[in-house]
Protein backbone atom coordinates (compact mmCIF):
# COMPACT_ATOMS: atom_id res chain seq x y z
CA MET A 1 121.37 81.16 78.47
CA ALA A 2 117.62 81.69 78.18
CA ALA A 3 115.09 82.79 80.78
CA GLU A 4 111.46 81.84 80.39
CA ILE A 5 108.63 83.82 81.89
CA GLN A 6 106.69 81.73 84.39
CA PRO A 7 102.90 82.18 84.59
CA LYS A 8 102.81 81.56 88.36
CA PRO A 9 104.24 83.96 90.95
CA GLN A 10 107.24 82.99 93.03
CA THR A 11 107.52 83.70 96.74
CA ARG A 12 110.10 86.40 97.29
CA THR A 13 110.79 88.78 100.13
CA PRO A 14 112.80 92.01 100.47
CA VAL A 15 116.44 91.27 101.27
CA LEU A 16 117.60 92.93 104.49
CA LEU A 17 120.90 94.67 103.68
CA ASN A 18 121.64 96.38 106.97
CA LYS A 19 120.32 97.86 110.19
CA ILE A 20 121.10 101.13 111.94
CA GLU A 21 120.52 100.62 115.66
CA ALA A 22 122.60 103.38 117.23
CA SER A 23 119.78 105.93 117.62
CA GLN A 24 118.78 106.84 121.16
CA ASP A 25 115.26 107.79 120.09
CA VAL A 26 112.72 107.13 117.34
CA VAL A 27 113.85 108.27 113.89
CA ASN A 28 111.12 110.54 112.50
CA THR A 29 112.55 110.75 108.99
CA ALA A 30 115.36 109.04 107.13
CA VAL A 31 116.40 109.05 103.48
CA ILE A 32 118.83 107.02 101.42
CA ILE A 33 121.57 109.10 99.80
CA PRO A 34 121.36 108.42 96.03
CA LYS A 35 124.41 106.70 94.52
CA GLU A 36 125.99 106.46 97.97
CA ASP A 37 125.90 103.78 100.64
CA GLY A 38 124.63 106.25 103.20
CA VAL A 39 121.58 107.42 105.12
CA ILE A 40 120.52 110.77 106.58
CA SER A 41 118.34 110.49 109.69
CA VAL A 42 116.51 112.92 111.95
CA SER A 43 115.40 111.72 115.39
CA GLU A 44 113.02 112.67 118.18
CA ASP A 45 116.05 113.63 120.27
CA ARG A 46 116.64 116.55 117.80
CA THR A 47 119.78 114.98 116.37
CA ILE A 48 120.68 114.93 112.69
CA ARG A 49 123.05 112.20 111.62
CA ILE A 50 124.62 111.23 108.33
CA TRP A 51 125.46 107.53 108.31
CA LEU A 52 128.07 106.15 105.90
CA LYS A 53 128.86 102.48 105.50
CA ARG A 54 132.39 101.65 106.68
CA ASP A 55 134.74 98.83 105.70
CA SER A 56 133.36 96.79 108.58
CA GLY A 57 129.99 96.71 106.84
CA GLN A 58 128.33 98.80 109.55
CA TYR A 59 126.94 102.33 109.33
CA TRP A 60 128.68 104.97 111.43
CA PRO A 61 127.79 108.67 111.63
CA SER A 62 130.07 111.04 109.75
CA ILE A 63 128.02 114.00 111.01
CA TYR A 64 126.27 114.28 114.37
CA HIS A 65 124.42 117.56 114.82
CA THR A 66 121.91 118.64 117.47
CA MET A 67 119.25 121.12 116.39
CA PRO A 68 118.15 124.03 118.60
CA GLY A 69 114.68 124.30 120.12
CA GLU A 70 112.43 121.81 121.83
CA SER A 71 110.54 120.27 118.90
CA SER A 72 111.95 117.31 117.00
CA PRO A 73 112.87 118.15 113.40
CA LEU A 74 111.73 116.65 110.10
CA MET A 75 113.60 116.61 106.83
CA SER A 76 113.56 116.88 103.04
CA TYR A 77 116.63 115.95 100.96
CA TRP A 78 117.64 116.37 97.35
CA ALA A 79 120.87 116.25 95.34
CA ILE A 80 122.11 118.86 92.86
CA PRO A 81 125.25 118.42 90.70
CA ARG A 82 128.37 119.23 92.76
CA ARG A 83 126.36 119.88 95.91
CA GLN A 84 123.79 118.21 98.12
CA GLU A 85 121.10 120.30 99.76
CA TRP A 86 118.43 119.46 102.26
CA LYS A 87 115.81 121.18 104.33
CA CYS A 88 115.31 120.59 108.02
CA LEU A 89 112.15 121.63 109.84
CA VAL A 90 112.51 122.74 113.43
CA SER A 91 109.54 124.05 115.41
CA LEU A 92 108.44 127.21 113.53
CA ILE A 93 111.22 127.55 110.95
CA VAL A 94 112.67 125.78 107.94
CA LEU A 95 116.46 125.51 107.83
CA GLU A 96 118.49 124.77 104.70
CA PHE A 97 121.92 123.10 104.77
CA ILE A 98 124.50 122.30 102.10
CA LEU A 99 126.46 119.07 102.48
CA SER A 100 130.05 118.68 101.40
CA GLU A 101 130.84 116.13 98.71
CA ASP A 102 132.43 113.77 101.24
CA TYR A 103 129.41 114.09 103.59
CA ASN A 104 131.62 115.14 106.49
CA LYS A 105 130.44 118.74 106.78
CA MET A 106 127.15 120.59 106.51
CA THR A 107 126.89 124.35 106.18
CA PRO A 108 123.79 126.45 106.99
CA ALA A 109 122.53 128.12 103.81
CA GLN A 110 119.07 129.62 104.40
CA THR A 111 116.47 130.16 107.10
CA TYR A 112 112.76 130.48 106.34
CA GLN A 113 110.44 132.00 108.94
CA ALA A 114 107.55 129.99 107.57
CA HIS A 115 104.97 129.26 110.28
CA GLN A 116 103.48 130.20 113.64
CA GLY A 117 103.11 126.56 114.64
CA ARG A 118 105.21 123.43 114.30
CA VAL A 119 106.13 122.62 110.70
CA THR A 120 104.62 119.31 109.55
CA VAL A 121 105.68 118.83 105.91
CA VAL A 122 108.31 120.41 103.65
CA LEU A 123 108.86 119.87 99.93
CA PHE A 124 111.47 121.39 97.63
CA VAL A 125 110.66 121.92 93.93
CA LEU A 126 113.99 122.14 92.13
CA GLU A 127 112.53 123.18 88.77
CA MET A 128 110.73 126.16 90.32
CA GLU A 129 113.27 126.90 93.08
CA TRP A 130 110.34 126.81 95.50
CA VAL A 131 110.16 125.54 99.08
CA LEU A 132 106.66 124.35 99.98
CA SER A 133 105.81 123.85 103.65
CA THR A 134 102.85 123.30 105.95
CA GLY A 135 102.43 123.61 109.69
CA GLN A 136 100.13 123.12 112.64
CA ASP A 137 99.07 126.74 112.17
CA LYS A 138 97.05 125.37 109.18
CA ASN A 139 99.03 127.53 106.76
CA PHE A 140 100.41 126.24 103.46
CA THR A 141 103.23 128.49 102.25
CA TRP A 142 105.74 128.56 99.43
CA HIS A 143 109.04 130.44 99.46
CA CYS A 144 111.71 131.30 96.92
CA SER A 145 114.76 129.18 97.76
CA GLU A 146 117.13 131.73 96.23
CA SER A 147 115.99 134.83 98.12
CA GLY A 148 114.22 133.20 101.07
CA THR A 149 111.16 135.44 100.63
CA GLN A 150 107.62 134.13 101.02
CA LEU A 151 105.75 134.02 97.71
CA GLY A 152 102.28 132.97 98.84
CA LEU A 153 100.07 131.52 101.56
CA TYR A 154 96.90 129.42 101.68
CA ARG A 155 94.85 128.70 104.80
CA THR A 156 93.79 125.05 105.13
CA THR A 157 90.83 123.72 107.13
CA ALA A 158 92.93 121.29 109.20
CA TRP A 159 96.52 120.31 109.94
CA VAL A 160 98.28 119.17 106.80
CA SER A 161 99.86 115.72 106.92
CA GLY A 162 100.68 115.10 103.24
CA LEU A 163 102.01 117.23 100.40
CA GLN A 164 102.86 116.58 96.74
CA PHE A 165 103.48 118.86 93.74
CA ASP A 166 103.15 118.51 89.97
CA VAL A 167 105.78 120.62 88.21
CA GLU A 168 104.15 120.59 84.77
CA THR A 169 100.81 122.04 85.86
CA ARG A 170 101.93 123.73 89.12
CA HIS A 171 99.28 121.87 91.10
CA ALA A 172 99.83 121.21 94.80
CA PHE A 173 98.08 118.25 96.46
CA VAL A 174 97.44 118.87 100.14
CA GLY A 175 96.16 116.10 102.44
CA ASP A 176 94.98 116.98 105.93
CA TYR A 177 93.64 115.59 109.20
CA SER A 178 90.01 115.97 108.10
CA GLY A 179 90.56 113.19 105.57
CA GLN A 180 90.31 115.31 102.44
CA VAL A 181 92.82 116.15 99.71
CA THR A 182 92.82 119.72 98.40
CA ILE A 183 94.19 120.57 94.95
CA LEU A 184 95.62 124.07 94.54
CA LYS A 185 96.89 125.84 91.43
CA LEU A 186 100.00 127.79 92.44
CA GLU A 187 101.19 130.97 90.79
CA LEU A 188 104.19 133.10 91.60
CA ASP A 189 102.42 135.06 94.34
CA SER A 190 98.92 133.57 94.54
CA CYS A 191 96.96 130.33 94.34
CA SER A 192 93.47 129.19 93.46
CA LEU A 193 91.38 126.28 94.72
CA VAL A 194 90.79 123.69 91.99
CA THR A 195 88.83 120.98 93.79
CA THR A 196 88.68 118.83 96.91
CA PHE A 197 88.75 115.03 97.07
CA LYS A 198 86.75 113.41 99.87
CA GLY A 199 86.98 109.66 100.28
CA HIS A 200 88.74 108.81 103.53
CA THR A 201 87.04 108.41 106.90
CA GLY A 202 90.33 109.01 108.75
CA ASN A 203 93.06 111.61 108.43
CA VAL A 204 95.32 111.51 105.38
CA THR A 205 98.71 110.15 106.44
CA ALA A 206 100.60 109.88 103.13
CA LEU A 207 100.48 111.13 99.54
CA CYS A 208 102.30 109.93 96.43
CA TRP A 209 102.12 111.45 92.93
CA ASP A 210 102.86 109.73 89.61
CA PRO A 211 103.45 112.53 87.06
CA VAL A 212 103.59 110.13 84.09
CA GLN A 213 100.22 108.42 84.55
CA ARG A 214 98.91 111.51 86.39
CA VAL A 215 97.62 109.49 89.31
CA LEU A 216 97.56 110.52 92.97
CA PHE A 217 97.71 107.95 95.77
CA SER A 218 96.52 108.83 99.26
CA GLY A 219 96.91 106.72 102.40
CA SER A 220 94.89 107.19 105.55
CA ALA A 221 94.46 106.25 109.18
CA ASP A 222 91.32 104.36 108.08
CA HIS A 223 93.72 101.64 106.76
CA SER A 224 92.82 102.35 103.12
CA ILE A 225 94.60 103.69 100.04
CA ILE A 226 92.76 105.57 97.28
CA MET A 227 94.07 105.98 93.74
CA TRP A 228 92.72 109.22 92.25
CA ASP A 229 92.87 109.09 88.44
CA ILE A 230 93.40 112.77 87.70
CA GLY A 231 94.79 112.31 84.19
CA GLY A 232 91.73 110.35 83.05
CA GLY A 233 89.47 113.33 83.69
CA LYS A 234 86.54 111.12 84.79
CA GLY A 235 86.92 111.47 88.54
CA THR A 236 87.67 107.78 89.01
CA ALA A 237 88.71 106.74 92.52
CA ILE A 238 90.01 103.20 93.10
CA GLU A 239 90.26 101.84 96.64
CA LEU A 240 93.08 99.55 97.77
CA GLN A 241 92.37 97.56 100.92
CA GLY A 242 95.44 95.66 102.08
CA HIS A 243 96.38 96.98 105.53
CA ASN A 244 95.07 96.27 109.01
CA GLU A 245 96.47 99.43 110.60
CA LYS A 246 97.19 103.07 109.73
CA VAL A 247 98.98 103.59 106.42
CA GLN A 248 102.32 105.25 107.22
CA GLY A 249 103.98 105.67 103.83
CA LEU A 250 103.52 105.45 100.06
CA CYS A 251 106.20 105.17 97.37
CA TYR A 252 105.85 104.53 93.64
CA ALA A 253 108.20 102.55 91.37
CA PRO A 254 107.55 104.07 87.91
CA HIS A 255 109.56 101.57 85.85
CA THR A 256 107.47 98.62 87.01
CA ARG A 257 104.31 100.58 87.82
CA GLN A 258 104.12 99.23 91.33
CA LEU A 259 103.01 101.01 94.48
CA ILE A 260 104.78 100.32 97.78
CA SER A 261 102.80 100.97 100.94
CA CYS A 262 103.50 100.37 104.62
CA SER A 263 101.48 100.51 107.82
CA SER A 264 102.09 100.95 111.52
CA ASP A 265 101.73 97.20 112.16
CA GLY A 266 104.90 96.59 110.12
CA GLY A 267 103.19 95.40 106.96
CA ILE A 268 104.69 96.22 103.57
CA VAL A 269 102.47 95.74 100.51
CA ILE A 270 103.63 95.93 96.89
CA TRP A 271 100.71 96.60 94.54
CA ASN A 272 100.69 95.88 90.83
CA MET A 273 99.21 99.03 89.29
CA ASP A 274 99.66 97.81 85.73
CA VAL A 275 96.31 96.00 85.78
CA THR A 276 92.88 97.35 84.90
CA ARG A 277 91.18 97.96 88.22
CA GLN A 278 87.50 98.55 88.93
CA GLU A 279 85.93 101.31 90.97
CA THR A 280 84.07 100.16 94.06
CA PRO A 281 80.30 100.74 93.81
CA GLU A 282 78.42 103.13 96.04
CA TRP A 283 76.37 101.51 98.78
CA LEU A 284 72.66 101.61 97.99
CA ASP A 285 69.97 102.62 100.49
CA SER A 286 66.94 100.42 101.06
CA ASP A 287 64.37 99.70 103.77
CA SER A 288 64.41 95.99 102.97
CA CYS A 289 66.85 93.40 101.66
CA GLN A 290 67.25 93.84 97.92
CA LYS A 291 67.57 90.07 97.50
CA CYS A 292 64.89 88.45 99.70
CA GLU A 293 62.86 91.63 100.46
CA GLN A 294 62.90 90.98 104.22
CA PRO A 295 62.46 94.26 106.17
CA PHE A 296 65.34 95.90 108.00
CA PHE A 297 64.85 96.64 111.71
CA TRP A 298 63.85 100.29 111.20
CA ASN A 299 61.12 99.44 108.67
CA PHE A 300 58.28 99.22 111.23
CA LYS A 301 55.46 99.28 108.68
CA GLN A 302 56.69 96.27 106.72
CA MET A 303 57.54 94.42 109.94
CA TRP A 304 53.96 94.96 111.17
CA ASP A 305 52.38 94.00 107.86
CA SER A 306 54.48 90.87 107.40
CA LYS A 307 54.58 89.99 111.11
CA LYS A 308 58.36 89.51 110.89
CA ILE A 309 61.23 90.83 112.99
CA GLY A 310 63.47 93.30 111.18
CA LEU A 311 66.97 92.31 110.14
CA ARG A 312 70.30 94.09 110.21
CA GLN A 313 71.46 95.74 107.00
CA HIS A 314 74.70 94.80 105.25
CA HIS A 315 76.19 95.69 101.87
CA CYS A 316 77.74 93.58 99.14
CA ARG A 317 81.20 94.93 98.32
CA LYS A 318 80.92 93.90 94.67
CA CYS A 319 77.49 95.25 93.64
CA GLY A 320 76.79 97.65 96.52
CA GLN A 321 73.27 96.34 97.17
CA ALA A 322 71.73 96.45 100.65
CA VAL A 323 71.31 92.85 101.81
CA CYS A 324 70.59 90.90 104.98
CA GLY A 325 73.06 88.58 106.68
CA LYS A 326 71.44 85.44 105.26
CA CYS A 327 71.80 86.67 101.68
CA SER A 328 75.44 87.72 102.22
CA ALA A 329 76.87 84.91 104.33
CA LYS A 330 79.81 84.22 102.01
CA ARG A 331 83.17 85.99 101.74
CA SER A 332 85.62 86.45 98.88
CA THR A 333 88.62 88.48 97.82
CA ILE A 334 88.12 90.87 94.89
CA PRO A 335 91.68 92.03 94.04
CA LEU A 336 90.73 94.02 90.92
CA MET A 337 88.44 96.11 93.12
CA GLY A 338 91.23 96.54 95.68
CA PHE A 339 90.00 93.95 98.19
CA GLU A 340 93.01 91.73 98.86
CA PHE A 341 91.34 90.46 102.04
CA GLU A 342 88.06 88.54 102.08
CA VAL A 343 85.01 90.81 102.25
CA ARG A 344 81.24 90.34 102.40
CA VAL A 345 79.51 89.62 99.08
CA CYS A 346 75.97 88.57 98.25
CA ASP A 347 75.28 85.02 97.07
CA SER A 348 74.80 85.95 93.41
CA CYS A 349 78.03 87.96 93.27
CA HIS A 350 79.91 85.15 95.01
CA GLU A 351 78.85 82.75 92.27
CA SER A 352 80.00 85.18 89.57
CA ILE A 353 83.54 85.56 91.01
CA THR A 354 85.93 83.13 89.31
CA ASP A 355 89.30 81.83 90.48
CA GLU A 356 90.90 84.16 87.94
CA ASP A 357 89.10 87.10 89.54
CA ARG A 358 90.58 86.06 92.90
CA ALA A 359 94.18 86.09 91.62
CA PRO A 360 96.08 88.48 93.92
CA THR A 361 97.45 91.74 92.54
CA ALA A 362 99.63 92.51 95.57
CA THR A 363 102.32 90.81 97.65
CA PHE A 364 102.55 91.11 101.43
CA HIS A 365 105.70 91.29 103.55
CA ASP A 366 106.55 91.79 107.21
CA SER A 367 109.13 94.41 108.19
CA LYS A 368 109.20 93.00 111.74
CA HIS A 369 108.89 96.42 113.35
CA SER A 370 106.20 99.08 113.70
CA ILE A 371 106.92 101.43 110.80
CA VAL A 372 107.05 105.18 111.44
CA TYR A 373 108.50 106.32 108.11
CA MET A 374 109.39 104.81 104.73
CA HIS A 375 111.64 105.96 101.88
CA TYR A 376 112.29 104.31 98.51
CA GLU A 377 115.34 105.06 96.34
CA PRO A 378 114.47 103.93 92.77
CA THR A 379 118.00 104.23 91.35
CA MET A 380 119.26 101.60 93.79
CA GLY A 381 116.06 99.68 94.45
CA TRP A 382 116.53 100.19 98.19
CA LEU A 383 113.66 100.50 100.64
CA LEU A 384 114.24 102.15 104.02
CA THR A 385 111.91 101.82 106.98
CA SER A 386 112.18 103.54 110.35
CA GLY A 387 110.43 101.86 113.25
CA ALA A 388 109.08 102.63 116.68
CA ASP A 389 111.83 100.31 117.97
CA LYS A 390 114.40 103.06 117.11
CA VAL A 391 115.85 100.89 114.33
CA VAL A 392 116.33 101.86 110.68
CA LYS A 393 116.29 98.96 108.21
CA VAL A 394 117.53 99.05 104.62
CA ARG A 395 116.27 96.40 102.20
CA GLN A 396 116.90 95.51 98.57
CA THR A 397 113.63 95.22 96.61
CA ARG A 398 114.79 94.74 93.02
CA CYS A 399 113.95 91.04 93.00
CA LEU A 400 110.49 91.89 94.35
CA LEU A 401 109.79 94.62 91.84
CA ARG A 402 110.88 92.34 89.02
CA GLN A 403 108.38 89.78 90.23
CA ARG A 404 105.70 91.38 88.08
CA LEU A 405 107.44 89.75 85.09
CA ASP A 406 106.63 86.38 86.65
CA ARG A 407 103.02 87.36 87.22
CA GLN A 408 100.22 88.12 84.81
CA PRO A 409 101.64 90.49 82.18
CA ASN A 410 99.47 92.88 80.24
CA SER A 411 98.01 91.37 77.10
CA ASP A 412 99.05 94.40 75.05
CA LEU A 413 102.70 93.90 76.05
CA PHE A 414 103.33 90.20 75.68
CA SER A 415 101.91 86.80 76.50
CA THR A 416 103.47 84.32 78.90
CA ASN A 417 104.79 82.35 75.90
CA TRP A 418 107.95 84.28 75.16
CA SER A 419 111.59 84.17 76.21
CA PHE A 420 114.69 86.29 75.85
CA ASP A 421 118.27 85.23 75.19
CA GLN A 422 121.19 86.93 76.90
CA SER A 423 123.69 86.76 74.07
CA GLN A 424 126.46 88.90 75.58
CA ILE A 425 127.24 90.30 79.01
CA PHE A 426 129.99 92.93 79.30
CA SER A 427 130.51 95.38 82.20
CA HIS A 428 127.02 94.78 83.61
CA GLN A 429 125.46 95.80 80.30
CA ILE A 430 123.15 93.12 78.97
CA PHE A 431 122.46 92.69 75.27
CA PHE A 432 119.62 90.35 74.48
CA ARG A 433 117.36 89.31 71.66
CA VAL A 434 113.62 89.04 72.19
CA GLU A 435 112.18 85.94 70.60
CA LEU A 436 108.40 85.83 70.18
CA ILE A 437 106.75 82.44 70.02
CA GLU A 438 103.50 83.69 68.54
CA GLY A 439 104.97 86.43 66.38
CA ARG A 440 103.38 89.28 68.33
CA PRO A 441 105.23 92.62 68.08
CA ILE A 442 106.86 94.28 71.07
CA SER A 443 107.49 98.02 70.81
CA GLU A 444 110.88 99.62 71.48
CA LYS A 445 109.39 101.30 74.55
CA ASN A 446 108.41 97.96 76.05
CA ILE A 447 111.79 96.41 75.18
CA SER A 448 113.51 99.27 77.03
CA TRP A 449 111.17 98.70 79.95
CA ILE A 450 112.00 94.99 80.05
CA CYS A 451 115.73 95.81 79.84
CA SER A 452 115.48 98.17 82.81
CA LEU A 453 113.97 95.37 84.88
CA ILE A 454 116.66 92.76 84.25
CA GLN A 455 119.72 95.02 84.39
CA GLU A 456 121.56 95.46 87.64
């Protein structure tokens, strides 16, 4: 049995596996339990529930717990051999629980008096045994998870709405309501400011860190996503424009190098990040159109001299030049620059854009509810979305993430003219032989990568 790579993409959608509709209020946070058919959810009604799939095929809560206080909690979950731990944020404190192996009991383990305002984000770093948290008091703190003592504190300029951490370099990425991302170097009892990224016009709503490629993704209420290439050391920032509403969540699939994003209008976008993207140009300033030299409406001197009425200024998204409406009447997508929707371009740039340049680098899907939170479990390929309709949906995305094999592969990996033979299939383990038509070599790393995509 042979499978041949197709040069054209196929239309695929995430497969809806199940719904959880028993919540009485909006679910703020929900996570898929790795290697289990279960979900942990935290709702606006201050309830914490652990849902396990029963023989009937439906999810029923094995634990139903109501948290104290008036504020609705948030959550962070992680699994450790022989025990499952998770943090729950309630009002001013961070609570730690240990779950039993059968997920029928949770035991309080630690309490962190972390903030003077409502806690907004919590993150546990297993390698460091640190608990990072932020709150509406504009404080970013980190605690020792073993002793519960506070190790350090940093005062931010605005409420923090996104938090990521790089274990190797001990850098914390902090996104806030001012639209900026602050990078901090954490030590055992102190921290230092490294730099600040400014690119969003709205508040940062989501952060996602890829430690392998050393790339940070930030989503914002301005509907945009920015990819900050930190590992490249050149300060490159790539914009991704594919949403019509506020970006609510970002997840990264490292094996296929695809970014999953969602927005409040229910849109789910899967971006191919294994292509060479281009940085958007800065918009140029000019008192007249840089194509036809007609004055803009504030250029009174040129309007008087030429006896012409000033025009409105626009900008070409491809070259960044200041142009008038007549010289930029055409529209085009520019996927490699992150513009998956049609945008304004000048006439000369429109002529230079080929059909190949317009080939999409992202796929778009409808979750059919207004997304509040998203979680991706890479070991299972499951994508969870929580909506404003009080429903939690679980989808299978493996067929979607494999779709990049059917799209334009990287030239340094393989061409579209190759196939693989599945010679033996035993116990879900697939042995295959790669046959190259043109005799081009494929490294062992790339063969392992291909194998991870086709194995269940």
